[in-house]
N, C-alpha and C. Protein backbone atom coordinates (compact mmCIF):
# COMPACT_ATOMS: atom_id res chain seq x y z
N MET A 1 -24.33 -39.56 8.59
CA MET A 1 -25.76 -39.77 8.57
C MET A 1 -26.37 -39.12 9.79
N THR A 2 -27.46 -38.46 9.59
CA THR A 2 -28.22 -37.94 10.71
C THR A 2 -29.62 -38.52 10.62
N LYS A 3 -30.33 -38.42 11.69
CA LYS A 3 -31.70 -38.90 11.75
C LYS A 3 -32.56 -37.70 12.09
N SER A 4 -33.69 -37.59 11.46
CA SER A 4 -34.53 -36.42 11.70
C SER A 4 -35.02 -36.37 13.15
N PRO A 5 -35.27 -35.18 13.67
CA PRO A 5 -35.75 -35.07 15.05
C PRO A 5 -37.08 -35.78 15.24
N GLN A 6 -37.30 -36.26 16.45
CA GLN A 6 -38.54 -36.95 16.77
C GLN A 6 -39.17 -36.30 17.99
N MET A 7 -40.48 -36.25 18.00
CA MET A 7 -41.21 -35.82 19.18
C MET A 7 -41.57 -37.06 19.98
N LEU A 8 -41.20 -37.08 21.24
CA LEU A 8 -41.50 -38.22 22.10
C LEU A 8 -42.50 -37.78 23.16
N TRP A 9 -43.57 -38.53 23.28
CA TRP A 9 -44.59 -38.24 24.27
C TRP A 9 -44.64 -39.38 25.26
N ASP A 10 -44.49 -39.07 26.53
CA ASP A 10 -44.59 -40.10 27.56
C ASP A 10 -45.17 -39.47 28.82
N ASP A 11 -45.19 -40.24 29.92
CA ASP A 11 -45.77 -39.75 31.16
C ASP A 11 -45.02 -38.57 31.74
N ALA A 12 -43.74 -38.47 31.46
CA ALA A 12 -42.92 -37.38 32.00
C ALA A 12 -43.11 -36.08 31.23
N GLY A 13 -43.77 -36.14 30.11
CA GLY A 13 -43.96 -34.95 29.30
C GLY A 13 -43.50 -35.19 27.88
N SER A 14 -43.23 -34.12 27.18
CA SER A 14 -42.81 -34.26 25.80
C SER A 14 -41.33 -33.92 25.67
N LEU A 15 -40.67 -34.62 24.77
CA LEU A 15 -39.26 -34.40 24.51
C LEU A 15 -39.05 -34.29 23.01
N ILE A 16 -38.05 -33.56 22.64
CA ILE A 16 -37.61 -33.55 21.25
C ILE A 16 -36.27 -34.27 21.24
N GLU A 17 -36.20 -35.33 20.46
CA GLU A 17 -34.97 -36.11 20.38
C GLU A 17 -34.22 -35.73 19.12
N LEU A 18 -32.95 -35.27 19.28
CA LEU A 18 -32.10 -34.90 18.16
C LEU A 18 -31.00 -35.95 18.02
N ASN A 19 -30.72 -36.35 16.81
CA ASN A 19 -29.71 -37.37 16.56
C ASN A 19 -28.73 -36.87 15.51
N PHE A 20 -27.44 -36.93 15.84
CA PHE A 20 -26.38 -36.58 14.90
C PHE A 20 -25.37 -37.71 14.90
N ASP A 21 -24.71 -37.94 13.79
CA ASP A 21 -23.77 -39.05 13.75
C ASP A 21 -22.45 -38.74 14.44
N GLY A 22 -22.11 -37.47 14.63
CA GLY A 22 -20.95 -37.12 15.43
C GLY A 22 -19.61 -37.17 14.74
N THR A 23 -19.56 -37.48 13.45
CA THR A 23 -18.26 -37.50 12.79
C THR A 23 -17.83 -36.07 12.45
N PHE A 24 -16.53 -35.88 12.36
CA PHE A 24 -15.98 -34.56 12.12
C PHE A 24 -15.79 -34.26 10.64
N HIS A 25 -15.98 -35.25 9.79
CA HIS A 25 -15.81 -35.06 8.35
C HIS A 25 -16.52 -36.20 7.63
N ASP A 26 -16.52 -36.14 6.33
CA ASP A 26 -17.12 -37.19 5.51
C ASP A 26 -16.29 -38.47 5.65
N PRO A 27 -16.87 -39.59 6.08
CA PRO A 27 -16.11 -40.83 6.25
C PRO A 27 -15.40 -41.30 4.99
N ALA A 28 -15.88 -40.90 3.81
CA ALA A 28 -15.23 -41.32 2.57
C ALA A 28 -13.85 -40.70 2.42
N ASN A 29 -13.60 -39.57 3.11
CA ASN A 29 -12.32 -38.88 3.00
C ASN A 29 -11.37 -39.21 4.15
N SER A 30 -11.62 -40.23 4.92
CA SER A 30 -10.80 -40.56 6.08
C SER A 30 -9.66 -41.49 5.70
N ARG A 31 -8.51 -41.31 6.35
CA ARG A 31 -7.41 -42.26 6.13
C ARG A 31 -7.56 -43.47 7.03
N TYR A 32 -8.51 -43.44 7.95
CA TYR A 32 -8.78 -44.57 8.83
C TYR A 32 -10.08 -45.25 8.42
N SER A 33 -10.21 -46.53 8.76
CA SER A 33 -11.44 -47.25 8.47
C SER A 33 -12.52 -46.81 9.44
N LEU A 34 -13.61 -46.32 8.91
CA LEU A 34 -14.75 -45.95 9.74
C LEU A 34 -15.88 -46.92 9.45
N LEU A 35 -16.53 -47.37 10.50
CA LEU A 35 -17.58 -48.37 10.35
C LEU A 35 -18.83 -47.80 9.70
N GLY A 36 -19.11 -46.56 10.04
CA GLY A 36 -20.40 -46.01 9.64
C GLY A 36 -21.47 -46.61 10.56
N HIS A 37 -22.51 -45.90 10.76
CA HIS A 37 -23.58 -46.45 11.60
C HIS A 37 -24.92 -45.94 11.08
N GLY A 38 -25.79 -46.88 10.82
CA GLY A 38 -27.10 -46.56 10.31
C GLY A 38 -28.17 -46.69 11.37
N PHE A 39 -27.77 -46.65 12.63
CA PHE A 39 -28.76 -46.79 13.71
C PHE A 39 -28.37 -45.86 14.84
N PHE A 40 -29.33 -45.60 15.68
CA PHE A 40 -29.10 -44.86 16.91
C PHE A 40 -29.65 -45.73 18.04
N PRO A 41 -28.99 -45.75 19.17
CA PRO A 41 -29.44 -46.64 20.24
C PRO A 41 -30.76 -46.19 20.85
N GLU A 42 -31.50 -47.16 21.35
CA GLU A 42 -32.71 -46.85 22.09
C GLU A 42 -32.31 -46.40 23.49
N ILE A 43 -32.72 -45.22 23.87
CA ILE A 43 -32.44 -44.73 25.22
C ILE A 43 -33.79 -44.52 25.89
N ASN A 44 -34.10 -45.40 26.84
CA ASN A 44 -35.40 -45.36 27.49
C ASN A 44 -35.35 -44.70 28.86
N SER A 45 -34.16 -44.60 29.43
CA SER A 45 -34.01 -43.95 30.72
C SER A 45 -32.75 -43.10 30.67
N HIS A 46 -32.49 -42.38 31.71
CA HIS A 46 -31.31 -41.52 31.78
C HIS A 46 -31.24 -40.64 30.53
N ARG A 47 -32.19 -39.82 30.36
CA ARG A 47 -32.34 -39.07 29.12
C ARG A 47 -31.20 -38.08 28.86
N GLU A 48 -30.36 -37.84 29.82
CA GLU A 48 -29.23 -36.96 29.59
C GLU A 48 -28.00 -37.74 29.13
N GLN A 49 -28.17 -38.97 28.68
CA GLN A 49 -27.04 -39.77 28.22
C GLN A 49 -26.47 -39.21 26.94
N LEU A 50 -25.18 -39.43 26.77
CA LEU A 50 -24.50 -39.05 25.54
C LEU A 50 -23.94 -40.31 24.92
N TRP A 51 -24.28 -40.55 23.71
CA TRP A 51 -23.82 -41.74 23.00
C TRP A 51 -22.68 -41.35 22.09
N ILE A 52 -21.50 -41.96 22.28
CA ILE A 52 -20.33 -41.66 21.46
C ILE A 52 -19.96 -42.90 20.68
N HIS A 53 -19.90 -42.78 19.39
CA HIS A 53 -19.52 -43.88 18.51
C HIS A 53 -18.03 -43.80 18.23
N GLN A 54 -17.39 -44.94 17.99
CA GLN A 54 -15.95 -44.93 17.72
C GLN A 54 -15.61 -44.14 16.47
N ASP A 55 -16.52 -44.02 15.52
CA ASP A 55 -16.26 -43.23 14.32
C ASP A 55 -16.05 -41.75 14.66
N MET A 56 -16.71 -41.28 15.72
CA MET A 56 -16.53 -39.89 16.13
C MET A 56 -15.08 -39.66 16.55
N VAL A 57 -14.54 -40.56 17.37
CA VAL A 57 -13.17 -40.41 17.86
C VAL A 57 -12.16 -40.61 16.72
N ASN A 58 -12.39 -41.61 15.88
CA ASN A 58 -11.47 -41.87 14.77
C ASN A 58 -11.49 -40.75 13.73
N SER A 59 -12.66 -40.14 13.49
CA SER A 59 -12.70 -39.04 12.54
C SER A 59 -12.04 -37.79 13.12
N LEU A 60 -12.11 -37.61 14.45
CA LEU A 60 -11.40 -36.51 15.09
C LEU A 60 -9.89 -36.72 14.96
N LEU A 61 -9.44 -37.94 15.20
CA LEU A 61 -8.02 -38.25 15.06
C LEU A 61 -7.56 -38.00 13.63
N ASN A 62 -8.39 -38.32 12.67
CA ASN A 62 -8.07 -38.06 11.26
C ASN A 62 -7.90 -36.56 11.01
N ASP A 63 -8.72 -35.74 11.67
CA ASP A 63 -8.68 -34.30 11.45
C ASP A 63 -7.53 -33.61 12.19
N LEU A 64 -6.97 -34.26 13.19
CA LEU A 64 -5.82 -33.69 13.90
C LEU A 64 -4.57 -34.00 13.10
N ASP A 65 -4.52 -33.45 11.92
CA ASP A 65 -3.45 -33.78 10.99
C ASP A 65 -2.18 -33.01 11.29
N ASP A 66 -1.18 -33.22 10.47
CA ASP A 66 0.13 -32.64 10.69
C ASP A 66 0.16 -31.12 10.55
N GLU A 67 -0.81 -30.54 9.87
CA GLU A 67 -0.80 -29.09 9.71
C GLU A 67 -1.32 -28.36 10.94
N HIS A 68 -2.29 -28.93 11.64
CA HIS A 68 -2.98 -28.19 12.69
C HIS A 68 -2.58 -28.58 14.11
N PHE A 69 -2.24 -29.81 14.36
CA PHE A 69 -2.02 -30.25 15.74
C PHE A 69 -0.67 -30.92 15.93
N PHE A 70 -0.29 -31.76 15.01
CA PHE A 70 0.95 -32.50 15.13
C PHE A 70 2.03 -31.84 14.29
N PRO A 71 3.30 -31.98 14.62
CA PRO A 71 3.83 -32.76 15.73
C PRO A 71 3.63 -32.04 17.07
N LEU A 72 3.36 -32.82 18.07
CA LEU A 72 3.21 -32.33 19.43
C LEU A 72 4.60 -32.37 20.07
N GLU A 73 5.10 -31.22 20.51
CA GLU A 73 6.47 -31.15 21.03
C GLU A 73 6.48 -30.93 22.53
N VAL A 74 7.38 -31.65 23.19
CA VAL A 74 7.63 -31.49 24.61
C VAL A 74 9.08 -31.04 24.74
N ASP A 75 9.29 -29.84 25.25
CA ASP A 75 10.64 -29.28 25.33
C ASP A 75 11.35 -29.64 26.63
N ASN A 76 12.67 -29.65 26.57
CA ASN A 76 13.55 -29.84 27.72
C ASN A 76 13.18 -31.05 28.56
N ILE A 77 13.09 -32.19 27.92
CA ILE A 77 12.74 -33.40 28.65
C ILE A 77 13.96 -34.29 28.82
N ALA A 78 14.15 -34.78 29.99
CA ALA A 78 15.09 -35.86 30.31
C ALA A 78 16.42 -35.76 29.56
N THR A 79 16.97 -34.56 29.47
CA THR A 79 18.23 -34.40 28.74
C THR A 79 19.34 -35.24 29.34
N LYS A 80 19.46 -35.25 30.66
CA LYS A 80 20.52 -36.04 31.31
C LYS A 80 20.37 -37.52 31.00
N GLU A 81 19.12 -38.00 31.00
CA GLU A 81 18.89 -39.42 30.72
C GLU A 81 19.26 -39.77 29.28
N PHE A 82 18.91 -38.88 28.33
CA PHE A 82 19.29 -39.13 26.94
C PHE A 82 20.80 -39.05 26.75
N MET A 83 21.45 -38.15 27.47
CA MET A 83 22.91 -38.04 27.39
C MET A 83 23.57 -39.32 27.90
N ALA A 84 23.00 -39.89 28.97
CA ALA A 84 23.56 -41.13 29.52
C ALA A 84 23.29 -42.31 28.59
N ALA A 85 22.10 -42.35 28.00
CA ALA A 85 21.73 -43.47 27.14
C ALA A 85 22.41 -43.43 25.79
N PHE A 86 22.66 -42.23 25.29
CA PHE A 86 23.27 -42.07 23.97
C PHE A 86 24.50 -41.16 24.07
N PRO A 87 25.63 -41.69 24.51
CA PRO A 87 26.83 -40.84 24.65
C PRO A 87 27.28 -40.24 23.31
N GLU A 88 26.86 -40.83 22.22
CA GLU A 88 27.20 -40.28 20.91
C GLU A 88 26.62 -38.89 20.73
N LEU A 89 25.45 -38.65 21.34
CA LEU A 89 24.83 -37.33 21.25
C LEU A 89 25.72 -36.27 21.91
N VAL A 90 26.29 -36.62 23.06
CA VAL A 90 27.18 -35.68 23.76
C VAL A 90 28.42 -35.43 22.92
N ASP A 91 28.97 -36.48 22.30
CA ASP A 91 30.14 -36.32 21.45
C ASP A 91 29.85 -35.38 20.28
N TYR A 92 28.66 -35.46 19.74
CA TYR A 92 28.32 -34.68 18.56
C TYR A 92 27.83 -33.27 18.91
N TYR A 93 26.92 -33.17 19.92
CA TYR A 93 26.28 -31.88 20.23
C TYR A 93 26.93 -31.14 21.40
N GLY A 94 27.70 -31.83 22.22
CA GLY A 94 28.36 -31.19 23.36
C GLY A 94 27.56 -31.33 24.65
N ASP A 95 28.22 -30.92 25.75
CA ASP A 95 27.62 -31.07 27.09
C ASP A 95 26.46 -30.13 27.36
N ASN A 96 26.34 -29.06 26.62
CA ASN A 96 25.29 -28.08 26.89
C ASN A 96 24.07 -28.26 25.98
N MET A 97 23.87 -29.44 25.47
CA MET A 97 22.72 -29.70 24.60
C MET A 97 21.43 -29.80 25.42
N THR A 98 20.32 -29.52 24.77
CA THR A 98 19.00 -29.73 25.36
C THR A 98 18.18 -30.59 24.41
N CYS A 99 17.26 -31.34 24.98
CA CYS A 99 16.46 -32.29 24.18
C CYS A 99 14.98 -31.91 24.20
N SER A 100 14.34 -32.16 23.09
CA SER A 100 12.88 -32.05 22.95
C SER A 100 12.40 -33.32 22.28
N LEU A 101 11.16 -33.66 22.51
CA LEU A 101 10.57 -34.84 21.90
C LEU A 101 9.37 -34.39 21.08
N ALA A 102 9.33 -34.80 19.82
CA ALA A 102 8.21 -34.47 18.94
C ALA A 102 7.44 -35.76 18.62
N LEU A 103 6.15 -35.76 18.87
CA LEU A 103 5.29 -36.90 18.59
C LEU A 103 4.39 -36.55 17.42
N SER A 104 4.26 -37.48 16.49
CA SER A 104 3.35 -37.27 15.35
C SER A 104 2.73 -38.60 14.96
N LEU A 105 1.57 -38.52 14.34
CA LEU A 105 0.91 -39.72 13.86
C LEU A 105 1.65 -40.22 12.63
N SER A 106 1.93 -41.50 12.61
CA SER A 106 2.68 -42.07 11.50
C SER A 106 1.82 -42.11 10.24
N PRO A 107 2.42 -41.82 9.09
CA PRO A 107 1.66 -41.95 7.84
C PRO A 107 1.35 -43.41 7.52
N ARG A 108 1.95 -44.35 8.25
CA ARG A 108 1.67 -45.77 8.04
C ARG A 108 0.37 -46.22 8.70
N ASN A 109 -0.30 -45.32 9.43
CA ASN A 109 -1.54 -45.68 10.12
C ASN A 109 -2.63 -46.05 9.12
N GLU A 110 -3.36 -47.07 9.47
CA GLU A 110 -4.54 -47.48 8.71
C GLU A 110 -5.40 -48.30 9.65
N GLY A 111 -6.53 -48.72 9.20
CA GLY A 111 -7.39 -49.50 10.08
C GLY A 111 -8.21 -48.61 10.99
N THR A 112 -8.42 -49.06 12.22
CA THR A 112 -9.25 -48.35 13.18
C THR A 112 -8.46 -48.13 14.46
N PRO A 113 -7.93 -46.93 14.69
CA PRO A 113 -7.12 -46.68 15.88
C PRO A 113 -7.87 -46.90 17.19
N PHE A 114 -9.12 -46.43 17.28
CA PHE A 114 -9.92 -46.60 18.49
C PHE A 114 -11.06 -47.57 18.20
N THR A 115 -11.23 -48.55 19.07
CA THR A 115 -12.32 -49.51 18.92
C THR A 115 -13.12 -49.53 20.22
N PHE A 116 -14.43 -49.37 20.10
CA PHE A 116 -15.32 -49.42 21.26
C PHE A 116 -16.15 -50.69 21.16
N SER A 117 -16.22 -51.44 22.23
CA SER A 117 -17.13 -52.59 22.26
C SER A 117 -17.59 -52.84 23.69
N GLN A 118 -18.75 -53.45 23.82
CA GLN A 118 -19.24 -53.78 25.15
C GLN A 118 -18.38 -54.86 25.79
N ALA A 119 -17.83 -55.75 24.98
CA ALA A 119 -17.03 -56.85 25.52
C ALA A 119 -15.67 -56.38 26.03
N ASP A 120 -15.01 -55.49 25.27
CA ASP A 120 -13.64 -55.10 25.61
C ASP A 120 -13.48 -53.67 26.09
N GLY A 121 -14.51 -52.86 25.99
CA GLY A 121 -14.39 -51.47 26.38
C GLY A 121 -13.77 -50.64 25.28
N ILE A 122 -12.94 -49.68 25.66
CA ILE A 122 -12.28 -48.82 24.69
C ILE A 122 -10.86 -49.32 24.49
N LEU A 123 -10.52 -49.68 23.26
CA LEU A 123 -9.19 -50.17 22.93
C LEU A 123 -8.51 -49.15 22.03
N VAL A 124 -7.27 -48.82 22.35
CA VAL A 124 -6.49 -47.88 21.56
C VAL A 124 -5.38 -48.65 20.86
N GLY A 125 -5.42 -48.65 19.53
CA GLY A 125 -4.38 -49.34 18.76
C GLY A 125 -4.36 -50.83 18.98
N ALA A 126 -5.50 -51.44 19.16
CA ALA A 126 -5.58 -52.87 19.50
C ALA A 126 -4.98 -53.76 18.42
N ASN A 127 -5.14 -53.40 17.17
CA ASN A 127 -4.64 -54.21 16.07
C ASN A 127 -3.44 -53.56 15.41
N LYS A 128 -2.63 -52.88 16.22
CA LYS A 128 -1.47 -52.13 15.71
C LYS A 128 -1.92 -51.09 14.69
N ASP A 129 -3.09 -50.48 14.97
CA ASP A 129 -3.68 -49.52 14.05
C ASP A 129 -3.37 -48.07 14.43
N LEU A 130 -2.59 -47.86 15.49
CA LEU A 130 -2.23 -46.50 15.86
C LEU A 130 -0.73 -46.45 16.09
N LEU A 131 -0.02 -45.95 15.10
CA LEU A 131 1.43 -45.85 15.17
C LEU A 131 1.82 -44.40 15.37
N ILE A 132 2.74 -44.17 16.32
CA ILE A 132 3.19 -42.82 16.62
C ILE A 132 4.69 -42.76 16.38
N ASP A 133 5.12 -41.74 15.68
CA ASP A 133 6.54 -41.51 15.44
C ASP A 133 7.08 -40.56 16.50
N PHE A 134 8.23 -40.91 17.07
CA PHE A 134 8.91 -40.06 18.05
C PHE A 134 10.19 -39.55 17.42
N ASP A 135 10.42 -38.26 17.50
CA ASP A 135 11.66 -37.65 17.02
C ASP A 135 12.34 -36.96 18.19
N LEU A 136 13.60 -37.31 18.44
CA LEU A 136 14.38 -36.63 19.46
C LEU A 136 15.07 -35.44 18.79
N LEU A 137 14.70 -34.25 19.23
CA LEU A 137 15.24 -33.02 18.68
C LEU A 137 16.26 -32.45 19.66
N VAL A 138 17.45 -32.16 19.17
CA VAL A 138 18.52 -31.68 20.03
C VAL A 138 18.92 -30.28 19.60
N SER A 139 19.15 -29.43 20.61
CA SER A 139 19.59 -28.05 20.36
C SER A 139 20.86 -27.76 21.15
N ASN A 140 21.68 -26.88 20.61
CA ASN A 140 22.83 -26.33 21.32
C ASN A 140 23.05 -24.91 20.80
N GLU A 141 24.26 -24.35 20.98
CA GLU A 141 24.49 -22.96 20.55
C GLU A 141 24.41 -22.80 19.04
N THR A 142 24.71 -23.83 18.30
CA THR A 142 24.79 -23.68 16.83
C THR A 142 23.59 -24.24 16.08
N VAL A 143 22.89 -25.22 16.63
CA VAL A 143 21.73 -25.80 15.95
C VAL A 143 20.51 -25.75 16.86
N LYS A 144 19.36 -25.62 16.26
CA LYS A 144 18.10 -25.61 17.00
C LYS A 144 17.21 -26.74 16.49
N LYS A 145 16.84 -27.59 17.41
CA LYS A 145 15.91 -28.70 17.14
C LYS A 145 16.33 -29.54 15.94
N ASP A 146 17.57 -30.00 15.99
CA ASP A 146 18.08 -30.90 14.98
C ASP A 146 17.53 -32.29 15.26
N ASN A 147 17.00 -32.95 14.23
CA ASN A 147 16.43 -34.29 14.40
C ASN A 147 17.57 -35.30 14.56
N ALA A 148 17.84 -35.69 15.81
CA ALA A 148 18.97 -36.57 16.10
C ALA A 148 18.60 -38.04 16.02
N ILE A 149 17.41 -38.39 16.51
CA ILE A 149 16.99 -39.80 16.53
C ILE A 149 15.51 -39.87 16.18
N LYS A 150 15.15 -40.83 15.37
CA LYS A 150 13.74 -41.08 15.03
C LYS A 150 13.42 -42.51 15.46
N PHE A 151 12.40 -42.65 16.30
CA PHE A 151 11.98 -43.99 16.71
C PHE A 151 10.49 -44.02 16.93
């Protein structure tokens, strides 16, 4: 939803107020619950304020899908620590293995991952609404980024 521009006249001069809802896509096509908002806040001072609704952040998260952004991979992380924690990996992949971690949004996500409120501030996954899958990818001379552990 957008609101048509308004001309504001006051002692400081004239302003044109533009209002956009800020979502990245049609809320009907989101895998997350979007509240929708049929109002815009009254801003009487600090005219350079930016109003961000939680639907803007949740619709952006919806658009960062598996094709364009995820999985997010971090290469060569804590290989020694993983080798110590999971000796089975060393037995299977050998001493010269390297580890990467791939993070992706779980397909089990639903609800509202980000919640904004005056009482609580910004909450991320407050109702277990933001689930992230971690995949430990292991490489050695013979395999590249083999999915060894999923958690």
